[in-house]
N, C-alpha and C. Protein backbone atom coordinates (compact mmCIF):
# COMPACT_ATOMS: atom_id res chain seq x y z
N GLN A 1 20.78 1.01 -3.10
CA GLN A 1 19.14 1.60 -3.58
C GLN A 1 18.34 0.79 -2.83
N VAL A 2 16.82 1.85 -2.72
CA VAL A 2 16.01 0.75 -2.44
C VAL A 2 14.49 1.28 -3.44
N GLN A 3 13.93 0.04 -3.70
CA GLN A 3 13.02 0.29 -4.60
C GLN A 3 11.39 -0.37 -3.86
N LEU A 4 10.62 0.64 -4.40
CA LEU A 4 9.18 -0.38 -3.93
C LEU A 4 8.44 -0.22 -5.25
N VAL A 5 8.24 -1.30 -5.75
CA VAL A 5 7.89 -1.34 -6.96
C VAL A 5 6.09 -1.97 -6.32
N GLU A 6 5.14 -1.34 -7.44
CA GLU A 6 3.64 -1.86 -7.11
C GLU A 6 2.77 -2.66 -8.19
N SER A 7 1.81 -3.53 -7.61
CA SER A 7 1.40 -3.62 -9.17
C SER A 7 0.07 -4.10 -8.84
N GLY A 8 -1.06 -4.33 -9.55
CA GLY A 8 -2.66 -5.04 -9.68
C GLY A 8 -3.41 -4.15 -9.89
N GLY A 9 -2.95 -2.72 -9.90
CA GLY A 9 -4.31 -1.72 -10.16
C GLY A 9 -4.87 -2.04 -12.04
N GLY A 10 -5.85 -1.35 -12.05
CA GLY A 10 -6.61 -1.12 -13.08
C GLY A 10 -7.83 -1.02 -13.35
N LEU A 11 -8.70 -1.27 -14.17
CA LEU A 11 -10.20 -0.85 -14.54
C LEU A 11 -11.37 -1.97 -13.83
N VAL A 12 -12.33 -1.89 -13.02
CA VAL A 12 -12.85 -3.12 -12.49
C VAL A 12 -14.12 -2.28 -12.19
N GLN A 13 -15.39 -3.26 -12.44
CA GLN A 13 -16.56 -2.73 -12.38
C GLN A 13 -16.92 -2.15 -10.38
N ALA A 14 -17.79 -1.57 -10.34
CA ALA A 14 -18.38 -0.99 -8.55
C ALA A 14 -19.25 -2.35 -8.27
N GLY A 15 -18.84 -2.93 -6.94
CA GLY A 15 -18.81 -3.77 -6.54
C GLY A 15 -17.66 -5.26 -6.80
N GLY A 16 -16.90 -4.59 -7.90
CA GLY A 16 -15.86 -5.55 -8.01
C GLY A 16 -14.79 -6.35 -7.37
N SER A 17 -13.85 -6.49 -7.49
CA SER A 17 -12.27 -6.68 -6.39
C SER A 17 -11.07 -6.34 -7.23
N LEU A 18 -9.94 -5.61 -6.38
CA LEU A 18 -8.69 -6.01 -7.34
C LEU A 18 -7.73 -6.38 -5.69
N ARG A 19 -6.37 -6.46 -6.26
CA ARG A 19 -5.31 -7.03 -5.25
C ARG A 19 -4.25 -6.29 -5.54
N LEU A 20 -3.92 -5.39 -4.52
CA LEU A 20 -2.52 -4.71 -5.24
C LEU A 20 -1.58 -5.35 -4.59
N SER A 21 -0.45 -5.30 -4.83
CA SER A 21 0.96 -5.58 -4.24
C SER A 21 2.12 -4.53 -4.03
N CYS A 22 3.04 -4.53 -3.19
CA CYS A 22 4.28 -4.11 -3.41
C CYS A 22 5.08 -4.55 -2.57
N SER A 23 6.17 -4.30 -3.78
CA SER A 23 7.66 -5.59 -3.20
C SER A 23 8.56 -4.50 -2.47
N ALA A 24 9.37 -4.77 -2.03
CA ALA A 24 10.40 -3.68 -1.54
C ALA A 24 11.91 -4.57 -2.17
N SER A 25 12.89 -3.68 -2.43
CA SER A 25 14.07 -4.60 -2.47
C SER A 25 15.27 -3.11 -2.45
N GLY A 26 16.47 -3.97 -2.68
CA GLY A 26 17.63 -3.26 -2.43
C GLY A 26 18.12 -3.65 -0.90
N SER A 27 19.04 -2.53 -0.70
CA SER A 27 19.66 -2.78 0.43
C SER A 27 18.92 -2.53 1.82
N ILE A 28 18.30 -3.76 2.14
CA ILE A 28 17.44 -3.02 3.56
C ILE A 28 17.95 -4.21 4.63
N PHE A 29 17.94 -3.32 5.67
CA PHE A 29 17.85 -3.98 7.10
C PHE A 29 16.49 -4.68 7.24
N SER A 30 15.79 -3.91 7.56
CA SER A 30 14.71 -4.62 8.19
C SER A 30 13.46 -3.21 7.63
N ILE A 31 12.30 -3.77 7.37
CA ILE A 31 11.11 -2.91 7.64
C ILE A 31 10.09 -2.98 8.42
N ASN A 32 9.67 -1.30 9.00
CA ASN A 32 8.39 -1.16 9.91
C ASN A 32 7.23 -1.56 9.68
N ALA A 33 6.66 -0.29 9.79
CA ALA A 33 5.51 -0.05 8.59
C ALA A 33 5.45 -0.19 7.34
N MET A 34 4.31 -0.32 6.96
CA MET A 34 4.03 -0.50 5.45
C MET A 34 2.86 -0.14 5.01
N GLY A 35 2.47 0.54 4.69
CA GLY A 35 0.75 1.48 4.02
C GLY A 35 0.85 1.67 2.70
N TRP A 36 -0.54 1.81 2.37
CA TRP A 36 -1.46 1.83 1.18
C TRP A 36 -2.00 3.35 1.17
N TYR A 37 -1.46 4.62 0.31
CA TYR A 37 -2.30 5.66 0.31
C TYR A 37 -3.11 5.79 -1.31
N ARG A 38 -3.50 7.08 -0.79
CA ARG A 38 -4.49 6.92 -2.22
C ARG A 38 -4.49 8.57 -2.39
N GLN A 39 -4.39 8.65 -3.76
CA GLN A 39 -4.18 10.10 -4.37
C GLN A 39 -5.42 10.54 -5.29
N ALA A 40 -6.69 10.91 -5.31
CA ALA A 40 -7.85 11.34 -6.17
C ALA A 40 -7.80 12.54 -6.85
N PRO A 41 -7.74 12.55 -8.10
CA PRO A 41 -7.62 14.09 -8.98
C PRO A 41 -8.30 15.51 -8.17
N GLY A 42 -7.33 16.18 -7.68
CA GLY A 42 -7.61 17.78 -6.91
C GLY A 42 -7.78 17.53 -5.46
N ASN A 43 -7.21 16.03 -4.96
CA ASN A 43 -7.51 15.89 -3.51
C ASN A 43 -6.10 15.45 -3.13
N GLY A 44 -6.24 15.89 -2.12
CA GLY A 44 -4.84 14.83 -1.11
C GLY A 44 -4.41 13.61 -0.98
N ARG A 45 -2.88 13.83 -0.76
CA ARG A 45 -2.67 11.93 -0.56
C ARG A 45 -3.32 11.50 0.61
N GLU A 46 -4.38 10.65 0.66
CA GLU A 46 -4.35 9.83 2.46
C GLU A 46 -4.00 8.52 2.53
N LEU A 47 -4.00 8.23 3.79
CA LEU A 47 -3.66 6.98 4.32
C LEU A 47 -4.92 5.96 4.24
N VAL A 48 -4.98 4.88 3.58
CA VAL A 48 -5.92 4.10 2.87
C VAL A 48 -5.80 2.53 4.22
N ALA A 49 -4.59 2.45 4.28
CA ALA A 49 -3.92 1.09 5.28
C ALA A 49 -2.69 1.39 5.50
N ALA A 50 -2.36 0.54 6.70
CA ALA A 50 -0.73 0.20 7.14
C ALA A 50 -0.94 -0.64 7.88
N ILE A 51 -0.03 -1.83 7.58
CA ILE A 51 0.30 -2.48 8.86
C ILE A 51 1.82 -2.36 9.35
N THR A 52 2.80 -3.15 10.71
CA THR A 52 3.23 -3.20 10.94
C THR A 52 4.10 -4.32 11.15
N SER A 53 5.40 -4.27 11.22
CA SER A 53 6.44 -5.39 11.28
C SER A 53 5.30 -6.40 11.88
N GLY A 54 4.48 -6.59 12.99
CA GLY A 54 4.15 -7.51 13.72
C GLY A 54 2.38 -7.57 13.24
N GLY A 55 2.33 -7.58 12.42
CA GLY A 55 0.83 -7.82 12.09
C GLY A 55 -0.11 -6.20 12.99
N SER A 56 0.26 -5.64 13.14
CA SER A 56 -0.92 -4.54 13.62
C SER A 56 -1.55 -3.86 12.24
N THR A 57 -2.67 -3.52 12.33
CA THR A 57 -3.37 -2.82 11.13
C THR A 57 -4.35 -1.76 11.71
N ASN A 58 -4.05 -1.08 10.39
CA ASN A 58 -5.58 0.62 10.76
C ASN A 58 -5.67 1.00 9.45
N TYR A 59 -6.95 1.31 9.52
CA TYR A 59 -7.51 1.56 8.25
C TYR A 59 -8.54 3.21 8.03
N ALA A 60 -8.10 3.58 7.06
CA ALA A 60 -9.28 4.46 6.83
C ALA A 60 -10.64 4.27 6.98
N ASP A 61 -11.71 4.69 8.02
CA ASP A 61 -13.14 4.62 7.95
C ASP A 61 -13.90 4.53 6.60
N SER A 62 -13.35 4.93 5.95
CA SER A 62 -13.91 4.77 4.34
C SER A 62 -13.96 3.65 3.73
N VAL A 63 -12.89 2.91 4.22
CA VAL A 63 -12.51 1.47 3.80
C VAL A 63 -12.76 -0.03 4.66
N LYS A 64 -12.55 0.34 5.91
CA LYS A 64 -12.99 -0.65 6.83
C LYS A 64 -14.49 -1.40 6.37
N GLY A 65 -13.95 -3.19 6.28
CA GLY A 65 -14.81 -4.09 6.29
C GLY A 65 -14.60 -4.38 4.52
N ARG A 66 -14.18 -3.61 3.65
CA ARG A 66 -13.85 -3.63 2.29
C ARG A 66 -12.80 -4.19 2.06
N PHE A 67 -11.70 -3.54 2.28
CA PHE A 67 -10.25 -3.93 2.32
C PHE A 67 -9.49 -4.67 3.05
N THR A 68 -8.31 -4.78 2.71
CA THR A 68 -7.54 -5.79 4.02
C THR A 68 -6.06 -5.81 3.21
N ILE A 69 -5.51 -5.49 4.73
CA ILE A 69 -3.76 -5.08 4.11
C ILE A 69 -3.31 -5.99 4.64
N SER A 70 -2.09 -6.78 4.29
CA SER A 70 -1.65 -7.93 4.67
C SER A 70 0.01 -7.71 4.14
N ARG A 71 1.09 -8.45 4.81
CA ARG A 71 2.20 -8.91 4.24
C ARG A 71 2.58 -10.07 4.59
N ASP A 72 4.22 -10.21 3.60
CA ASP A 72 4.63 -11.23 4.05
C ASP A 72 6.37 -10.70 4.58
N ASN A 73 6.63 -10.61 5.62
CA ASN A 73 8.22 -10.59 5.92
C ASN A 73 9.16 -10.70 4.97
N ALA A 74 9.14 -12.15 5.03
CA ALA A 74 10.24 -12.88 3.97
C ALA A 74 10.14 -12.49 2.48
N LYS A 75 9.02 -12.02 2.12
CA LYS A 75 9.45 -11.22 1.00
C LYS A 75 9.23 -9.90 0.95
N ASN A 76 9.61 -8.92 1.83
CA ASN A 76 9.16 -7.66 2.08
C ASN A 76 8.22 -6.90 1.30
N THR A 77 7.04 -7.60 0.91
CA THR A 77 5.73 -7.05 0.10
C THR A 77 4.35 -7.26 0.93
N THR A 78 3.89 -5.95 0.63
CA THR A 78 2.43 -5.75 1.32
C THR A 78 1.03 -6.04 0.56
N TYR A 79 0.10 -6.32 0.49
CA TYR A 79 -0.68 -6.91 -0.43
C TYR A 79 -2.10 -5.81 0.35
N LEU A 80 -2.60 -5.33 -0.79
CA LEU A 80 -4.28 -4.90 -0.22
C LEU A 80 -5.40 -5.15 -1.27
N GLU A 81 -6.44 -5.99 -0.33
CA GLU A 81 -6.99 -6.84 -0.77
C GLU A 81 -8.39 -5.80 -0.89
N MET A 82 -8.99 -5.75 -1.73
CA MET A 82 -9.79 -4.76 -2.09
C MET A 82 -10.86 -5.13 -2.68
N ASN A 83 -12.07 -5.10 -1.61
CA ASN A 83 -13.67 -5.83 -2.90
C ASN A 83 -14.54 -4.73 -2.26
N SER A 84 -15.87 -4.97 -2.88
CA SER A 84 -16.64 -4.11 -2.71
C SER A 84 -16.66 -2.34 -3.30
N LEU A 85 -15.53 -2.77 -4.18
CA LEU A 85 -15.15 -1.32 -4.72
C LEU A 85 -16.36 -0.60 -5.26
N LYS A 86 -16.05 0.83 -4.93
CA LYS A 86 -16.90 1.92 -5.20
C LYS A 86 -16.44 2.94 -6.07
N PRO A 87 -16.94 3.53 -7.45
CA PRO A 87 -16.57 4.39 -7.79
C PRO A 87 -15.39 5.81 -6.65
N GLU A 88 -15.82 5.83 -5.81
CA GLU A 88 -15.03 6.99 -5.27
C GLU A 88 -13.80 6.26 -4.49
N ASP A 89 -13.52 4.91 -4.80
CA ASP A 89 -12.34 4.58 -4.72
C ASP A 89 -11.33 4.58 -5.52
N THR A 90 -11.87 5.18 -6.92
CA THR A 90 -10.95 5.85 -7.78
C THR A 90 -9.68 6.48 -7.11
N ALA A 91 -8.66 6.36 -7.83
CA ALA A 91 -7.50 7.08 -7.43
C ALA A 91 -6.20 6.27 -7.92
N VAL A 92 -5.05 6.95 -7.85
CA VAL A 92 -3.42 6.46 -7.64
C VAL A 92 -3.20 6.07 -6.33
N TYR A 93 -3.07 4.87 -6.11
CA TYR A 93 -2.99 4.11 -4.94
C TYR A 93 -1.30 4.01 -4.70
N TYR A 94 -0.50 4.66 -4.10
CA TYR A 94 1.13 4.42 -3.26
C TYR A 94 1.36 3.82 -2.29
N CYS A 95 2.20 2.78 -2.16
CA CYS A 95 2.93 2.09 -1.32
C CYS A 95 4.09 2.76 -0.75
N ASN A 96 3.86 2.53 0.68
CA ASN A 96 4.85 3.25 1.66
C ASN A 96 5.62 2.52 2.49
N ALA A 97 6.72 2.82 2.74
CA ALA A 97 7.29 1.81 3.52
C ALA A 97 8.34 2.51 4.29
N ALA A 98 8.54 1.95 5.97
CA ALA A 98 9.27 2.55 6.61
C ALA A 98 10.75 1.67 6.70
N ILE A 99 11.70 2.26 6.32
CA ILE A 99 12.89 0.59 6.27
C ILE A 99 14.15 1.31 6.99
N ARG A 100 14.67 0.66 7.63
CA ARG A 100 16.28 0.48 7.74
C ARG A 100 17.21 0.02 7.42
N LEU A 101 17.95 0.65 6.75
CA LEU A 101 19.12 0.30 5.68
C LEU A 101 20.14 -0.57 6.37
N ARG A 102 20.34 -0.25 7.53
CA ARG A 102 21.68 -0.69 8.35
C ARG A 102 21.64 -1.42 9.88
N TRP A 103 22.22 -2.05 10.14
CA TRP A 103 22.09 -2.59 11.46
C TRP A 103 22.62 -1.85 12.36
N TYR A 104 23.56 -0.60 12.11
CA TYR A 104 24.48 -0.28 13.16
C TYR A 104 23.75 0.80 13.16
N HIS A 105 22.31 1.45 12.62
CA HIS A 105 22.00 2.53 12.36
C HIS A 105 20.71 2.69 12.36
N PRO A 106 20.15 3.50 13.85
CA PRO A 106 18.44 2.77 14.04
C PRO A 106 17.46 3.60 13.20
N ASP A 107 18.11 4.62 12.38
CA ASP A 107 17.21 5.63 11.86
C ASP A 107 16.64 5.03 10.45
N GLU A 108 14.87 4.72 10.56
CA GLU A 108 14.18 4.64 9.44
C GLU A 108 13.85 5.58 8.15
N TYR A 109 13.48 5.33 6.84
CA TYR A 109 13.40 6.46 5.94
C TYR A 109 12.13 6.12 5.44
N ALA A 110 11.71 6.95 5.01
CA ALA A 110 10.45 6.37 4.33
C ALA A 110 10.63 5.99 2.58
N TYR A 111 10.03 5.48 2.23
CA TYR A 111 9.97 5.30 0.45
C TYR A 111 8.80 4.91 -0.45
N TRP A 112 8.51 5.79 -1.20
CA TRP A 112 7.39 5.43 -1.86
C TRP A 112 7.58 4.68 -3.33
N GLY A 113 6.34 3.70 -3.20
CA GLY A 113 6.64 3.24 -4.80
C GLY A 113 5.58 4.40 -5.63
N GLN A 114 5.91 4.16 -6.96
CA GLN A 114 5.83 4.78 -8.28
C GLN A 114 4.26 5.43 -8.39
N GLY A 115 3.26 4.22 -7.79
CA GLY A 115 1.80 4.44 -8.10
C GLY A 115 1.44 3.31 -8.98
N THR A 116 0.03 3.44 -8.82
CA THR A 116 -0.62 2.31 -9.62
C THR A 116 -2.41 3.17 -9.68
N GLN A 117 -2.62 2.95 -10.84
CA GLN A 117 -4.36 3.63 -10.87
C GLN A 117 -5.06 2.59 -10.82
N VAL A 118 -5.97 2.80 -9.71
CA VAL A 118 -7.34 1.86 -10.01
C VAL A 118 -8.40 2.88 -9.92
N THR A 119 -9.46 2.36 -11.33
CA THR A 119 -10.09 3.25 -11.56
C THR A 119 -11.61 2.16 -11.50
N VAL A 120 -12.32 2.63 -11.12
CA VAL A 120 -13.85 1.78 -10.49
C VAL A 120 -14.76 2.43 -11.06
N SER A 121 -15.55 1.62 -12.07
CA SER A 121 -16.57 2.36 -12.90
C SER A 121 -18.25 2.42 -12.51
N SER A 122 -19.04 3.06 -12.54
CA SER A 122 -20.07 2.88 -11.86
C SER A 122 -21.23 2.02 -13.14
């Protein structure tokens, strides 16, 4: 079984900062891309940031220059540093990872965390 566990959400004032963490555990051979998505009430889930195992990153235009994604491959963990937070960043943030379970099987599977609430007050 594979689990993704997020932490670090909370309530912060506009202009503040938060750091989210997501750790993968279980029977894992390797992890390719890891990413953060968010979903605000009434909206669909959108990509916030993603990072490959080699460190290449991609960001939504709305968070460029404010958010930074990173990862520690040895710990199977990804982080999202969020600065200059705005009320429109309020959402449930979900971690996602593309995980290969077996060395002899090339398929990757997408796993999701349970989500962590981020609320930015104005």
